[in-house]
Amino acid sequence: MTSIPRIILGALALCCAASAFAQPQASTSDPNAPKTRAQVRQEFLLWRSVGYDPNDWLNYPDNAMRASRIIAQRQARGEITVQ
């Protein structure tokens, strides 16, 4: 009967260890690393602040490219940093 609690404790420890490794690793040095929800939201708000409107379907490619150019120019001047 003592082996069942050991099995349960082992499974619980395994689940805890797996969840610790499953947490997103925020790395600013790797541009290919997955972004956190907060980073995506920050980037979206940045795009909105330079004039991008996701609801403007009629001017979609031009609207997005214009916002991208503005963000790139501001990054080059050091005014903003995108993480």
Foldseek 3Di string as FASTA:
>chain_A
DVVVVVVVVVVVVVVVVVVVVVDQDDDPVDPPGDDDPVLVVVVVVLLVVQPADPVPPVCPVVSNVSSVVVVVVCVVVVNDDRD
